[in-house]
Amino acid sequence: MLYVRETKKDVETAARDLEEAVRRNKFGVLHVHDLQKTLKEKGVDFPNACKILEVCNPQRANQVLSANMTVNMALPCRISVYQEGGAI
C-alpha cells in the first residue's frame, strides 16, 4: 500500500512530528531507521534523506496475529519520510 503526502517541512522535522502523532494515536515507534546514514556507513553515498519509522499498536497487533499469524510479515507497519526531487 502506498499513500503519499508532501510537506513543506524538512525530513528531520517531518519525521519528528510524525513520531509524536503516532504516539498521540496510541501507537508505539519501535525503531527509526536513518537510511541515508546507514548506507553512508556501508560506503554508499546516497543523496536523499530518508527516515523509516516502524510503528505498532500492540493491542491491535495481538488481535490481528491471534486471528492470522501469517500477517506477521506485514508488521510492524512502516512509514517513510523521504526527500525526492526536492520534495519531502
N, C-alpha and C. Protein backbone atom coordinates (compact mmCIF):
# COMPACT_ATOMS: atom_id res chain seq x y z
N MET A 1 0.84 -1.17 0.00
CA MET A 1 0.00 0.00 0.00
C MET A 1 0.89 1.23 0.00
N LEU A 2 0.52 2.19 -0.82
CA LEU A 2 1.29 3.41 -0.91
C LEU A 2 0.34 4.60 -0.80
N TYR A 3 0.63 5.45 0.16
CA TYR A 3 -0.13 6.68 0.38
C TYR A 3 0.90 7.78 0.54
N VAL A 4 0.88 8.77 -0.32
CA VAL A 4 1.91 9.80 -0.33
C VAL A 4 1.32 11.17 -0.01
N ARG A 5 1.99 11.87 0.88
CA ARG A 5 1.64 13.25 1.23
C ARG A 5 2.92 14.08 1.18
N GLU A 6 2.85 15.26 0.60
CA GLU A 6 4.01 16.16 0.59
C GLU A 6 3.89 17.13 1.74
N THR A 7 5.04 17.64 2.18
CA THR A 7 5.07 18.62 3.26
C THR A 7 6.12 19.68 2.94
N LYS A 8 5.99 20.80 3.56
CA LYS A 8 7.00 21.88 3.43
C LYS A 8 8.10 21.71 4.48
N LYS A 9 7.91 20.78 5.41
CA LYS A 9 8.90 20.54 6.47
C LYS A 9 10.11 19.81 5.89
N ASP A 10 11.24 19.93 6.58
CA ASP A 10 12.39 19.12 6.20
C ASP A 10 12.18 17.71 6.74
N VAL A 11 13.01 16.77 6.31
CA VAL A 11 12.84 15.37 6.69
C VAL A 11 12.91 15.19 8.21
N GLU A 12 13.87 15.82 8.85
CA GLU A 12 14.03 15.67 10.30
C GLU A 12 12.79 16.13 11.05
N THR A 13 12.28 17.31 10.70
CA THR A 13 11.10 17.87 11.37
C THR A 13 9.87 17.02 11.09
N ALA A 14 9.68 16.64 9.84
CA ALA A 14 8.51 15.83 9.47
C ALA A 14 8.54 14.49 10.19
N ALA A 15 9.70 13.85 10.29
CA ALA A 15 9.80 12.57 10.97
C ALA A 15 9.53 12.72 12.47
N ARG A 16 10.06 13.77 13.06
CA ARG A 16 9.82 14.03 14.49
C ARG A 16 8.34 14.29 14.76
N ASP A 17 7.71 15.11 13.92
CA ASP A 17 6.29 15.41 14.09
C ASP A 17 5.44 14.15 13.87
N LEU A 18 5.82 13.34 12.91
CA LEU A 18 5.11 12.10 12.66
C LEU A 18 5.22 11.16 13.86
N GLU A 19 6.41 11.07 14.42
CA GLU A 19 6.62 10.22 15.60
C GLU A 19 5.73 10.67 16.76
N GLU A 20 5.62 11.96 16.97
CA GLU A 20 4.75 12.48 18.03
C GLU A 20 3.28 12.16 17.74
N ALA A 21 2.86 12.30 16.49
CA ALA A 21 1.47 12.00 16.11
C ALA A 21 1.16 10.51 16.29
N VAL A 22 2.11 9.67 15.96
CA VAL A 22 1.93 8.22 16.13
C VAL A 22 1.69 7.90 17.60
N ARG A 23 2.47 8.48 18.47
CA ARG A 23 2.32 8.23 19.91
C ARG A 23 1.00 8.77 20.44
N ARG A 24 0.60 9.95 19.97
CA ARG A 24 -0.70 10.51 20.40
C ARG A 24 -1.87 9.60 20.02
N ASN A 25 -1.68 8.82 18.97
CA ASN A 25 -2.75 7.94 18.50
C ASN A 25 -2.59 6.50 19.00
N LYS A 26 -1.87 6.37 20.13
CA LYS A 26 -1.74 5.09 20.84
C LYS A 26 -0.97 4.01 20.06
N PHE A 27 -0.07 4.47 19.22
CA PHE A 27 0.85 3.55 18.55
C PHE A 27 2.22 3.78 19.17
N GLY A 28 3.06 2.81 19.04
CA GLY A 28 4.42 2.95 19.52
C GLY A 28 5.37 2.99 18.34
N VAL A 29 6.50 3.66 18.51
CA VAL A 29 7.55 3.67 17.50
C VAL A 29 8.60 2.68 17.98
N LEU A 30 8.71 1.57 17.26
CA LEU A 30 9.66 0.53 17.65
C LEU A 30 11.09 0.90 17.28
N HIS A 31 11.23 1.54 16.14
CA HIS A 31 12.57 1.91 15.67
C HIS A 31 12.45 2.95 14.57
N VAL A 32 13.45 3.80 14.46
CA VAL A 32 13.55 4.73 13.34
C VAL A 32 14.85 4.43 12.61
N HIS A 33 14.71 4.05 11.36
CA HIS A 33 15.89 3.79 10.52
C HIS A 33 16.25 5.06 9.77
N ASP A 34 17.51 5.44 9.81
CA ASP A 34 18.01 6.55 9.02
C ASP A 34 18.73 5.92 7.83
N LEU A 35 18.00 5.76 6.73
CA LEU A 35 18.52 5.03 5.57
C LEU A 35 19.76 5.69 5.00
N GLN A 36 19.75 7.00 4.88
CA GLN A 36 20.90 7.71 4.33
C GLN A 36 22.15 7.47 5.19
N LYS A 37 21.99 7.54 6.51
CA LYS A 37 23.11 7.32 7.43
C LYS A 37 23.61 5.88 7.36
N THR A 38 22.69 4.94 7.33
CA THR A 38 23.08 3.53 7.27
C THR A 38 23.84 3.22 5.99
N LEU A 39 23.36 3.73 4.88
CA LEU A 39 24.06 3.49 3.61
C LEU A 39 25.43 4.14 3.61
N LYS A 40 25.53 5.33 4.20
CA LYS A 40 26.83 6.00 4.28
C LYS A 40 27.82 5.16 5.08
N GLU A 41 27.34 4.55 6.18
CA GLU A 41 28.19 3.68 6.99
C GLU A 41 28.66 2.45 6.21
N LYS A 42 27.91 2.10 5.16
CA LYS A 42 28.26 0.95 4.31
C LYS A 42 29.07 1.38 3.09
N GLY A 43 29.45 2.68 3.05
CA GLY A 43 30.28 3.17 1.97
C GLY A 43 29.50 3.65 0.76
N VAL A 44 28.18 3.82 0.88
CA VAL A 44 27.35 4.27 -0.23
C VAL A 44 26.90 5.71 0.05
N ASP A 45 27.20 6.60 -0.87
CA ASP A 45 26.82 7.99 -0.72
C ASP A 45 25.44 8.19 -1.36
N PHE A 46 24.39 7.91 -0.60
CA PHE A 46 23.02 8.04 -1.08
C PHE A 46 22.57 9.47 -0.88
N PRO A 47 22.12 10.16 -1.93
CA PRO A 47 21.87 11.60 -1.83
C PRO A 47 20.58 12.01 -1.12
N ASN A 48 19.59 11.12 -1.00
CA ASN A 48 18.29 11.51 -0.46
C ASN A 48 18.15 11.16 1.01
N ALA A 49 17.69 12.14 1.80
CA ALA A 49 17.40 11.88 3.21
C ALA A 49 16.18 10.97 3.28
N CYS A 50 16.20 9.99 4.19
CA CYS A 50 15.09 9.06 4.33
C CYS A 50 15.08 8.49 5.74
N LYS A 51 13.96 8.71 6.43
CA LYS A 51 13.75 8.13 7.76
C LYS A 51 12.59 7.14 7.64
N ILE A 52 12.77 5.94 8.15
CA ILE A 52 11.73 4.93 8.11
C ILE A 52 11.34 4.60 9.54
N LEU A 53 10.07 4.88 9.87
CA LEU A 53 9.57 4.62 11.21
C LEU A 53 8.84 3.29 11.22
N GLU A 54 9.19 2.42 12.15
CA GLU A 54 8.46 1.19 12.37
C GLU A 54 7.47 1.45 13.50
N VAL A 55 6.18 1.36 13.20
CA VAL A 55 5.15 1.68 14.18
C VAL A 55 4.24 0.49 14.43
N CYS A 56 3.69 0.44 15.64
CA CYS A 56 2.85 -0.69 16.01
C CYS A 56 1.89 -0.29 17.13
N ASN A 57 0.68 -0.80 17.07
CA ASN A 57 -0.27 -0.71 18.17
C ASN A 57 -0.31 -2.11 18.76
N PRO A 58 0.29 -2.33 19.92
CA PRO A 58 0.43 -3.68 20.47
C PRO A 58 -0.89 -4.43 20.64
N GLN A 59 -1.93 -3.74 21.10
CA GLN A 59 -3.22 -4.41 21.30
C GLN A 59 -3.80 -4.87 19.96
N ARG A 60 -3.73 -4.00 18.98
CA ARG A 60 -4.25 -4.35 17.65
C ARG A 60 -3.41 -5.46 17.01
N ALA A 61 -2.10 -5.39 17.17
CA ALA A 61 -1.23 -6.43 16.62
C ALA A 61 -1.58 -7.78 17.24
N ASN A 62 -1.84 -7.81 18.53
CA ASN A 62 -2.23 -9.04 19.20
C ASN A 62 -3.51 -9.61 18.60
N GLN A 63 -4.50 -8.75 18.37
CA GLN A 63 -5.76 -9.21 17.79
C GLN A 63 -5.55 -9.79 16.39
N VAL A 64 -4.84 -9.07 15.58
CA VAL A 64 -4.62 -9.49 14.19
C VAL A 64 -3.80 -10.78 14.14
N LEU A 65 -2.73 -10.83 14.91
CA LEU A 65 -1.87 -12.02 14.88
C LEU A 65 -2.56 -13.24 15.49
N SER A 66 -3.42 -13.02 16.46
CA SER A 66 -4.17 -14.13 17.04
C SER A 66 -5.13 -14.73 16.02
N ALA A 67 -5.64 -13.91 15.13
CA ALA A 67 -6.56 -14.38 14.09
C ALA A 67 -5.83 -14.97 12.89
N ASN A 68 -4.64 -14.43 12.58
CA ASN A 68 -3.92 -14.89 11.39
C ASN A 68 -2.44 -14.60 11.56
N MET A 69 -1.70 -15.58 11.99
CA MET A 69 -0.28 -15.41 12.29
C MET A 69 0.55 -15.02 11.07
N THR A 70 0.07 -15.35 9.86
CA THR A 70 0.87 -15.02 8.67
C THR A 70 0.94 -13.51 8.41
N VAL A 71 0.09 -12.74 9.08
CA VAL A 71 0.13 -11.29 8.92
C VAL A 71 1.42 -10.72 9.53
N ASN A 72 2.15 -11.52 10.29
CA ASN A 72 3.40 -11.03 10.89
C ASN A 72 4.37 -10.52 9.84
N MET A 73 4.23 -10.95 8.61
CA MET A 73 5.11 -10.49 7.54
C MET A 73 4.89 -9.00 7.22
N ALA A 74 3.74 -8.47 7.60
CA ALA A 74 3.43 -7.07 7.32
C ALA A 74 3.62 -6.17 8.54
N LEU A 75 4.05 -6.75 9.64
CA LEU A 75 4.23 -5.98 10.86
C LEU A 75 5.70 -5.89 11.23
N PRO A 76 6.14 -4.82 11.84
CA PRO A 76 5.38 -3.62 12.14
C PRO A 76 5.11 -2.82 10.87
N CYS A 77 4.17 -1.91 10.98
CA CYS A 77 3.87 -1.02 9.86
C CYS A 77 5.05 -0.07 9.68
N ARG A 78 5.33 0.26 8.44
CA ARG A 78 6.45 1.16 8.15
C ARG A 78 5.94 2.42 7.49
N ILE A 79 6.42 3.54 7.99
CA ILE A 79 6.09 4.84 7.41
C ILE A 79 7.40 5.53 7.08
N SER A 80 7.53 5.97 5.85
CA SER A 80 8.77 6.62 5.41
C SER A 80 8.57 8.11 5.22
N VAL A 81 9.57 8.86 5.62
CA VAL A 81 9.64 10.29 5.35
C VAL A 81 10.93 10.46 4.55
N TYR A 82 10.78 10.94 3.31
CA TYR A 82 11.97 10.99 2.46
C TYR A 82 11.96 12.20 1.54
N GLN A 83 13.14 12.48 1.03
CA GLN A 83 13.35 13.57 0.08
C GLN A 83 13.54 12.96 -1.29
N GLU A 84 12.82 13.49 -2.28
CA GLU A 84 12.98 13.02 -3.64
C GLU A 84 12.65 14.16 -4.58
N GLY A 85 13.59 14.50 -5.44
CA GLY A 85 13.35 15.56 -6.39
C GLY A 85 13.04 16.90 -5.76
N GLY A 86 13.61 17.18 -4.59
CA GLY A 86 13.37 18.45 -3.92
C GLY A 86 12.12 18.48 -3.07
N ALA A 87 11.30 17.44 -3.13
CA ALA A 87 10.08 17.38 -2.33
C ALA A 87 10.28 16.45 -1.15
N ILE A 88 9.54 16.73 -0.07
CA ILE A 88 9.56 15.88 1.12
C ILE A 88 8.20 15.25 1.25
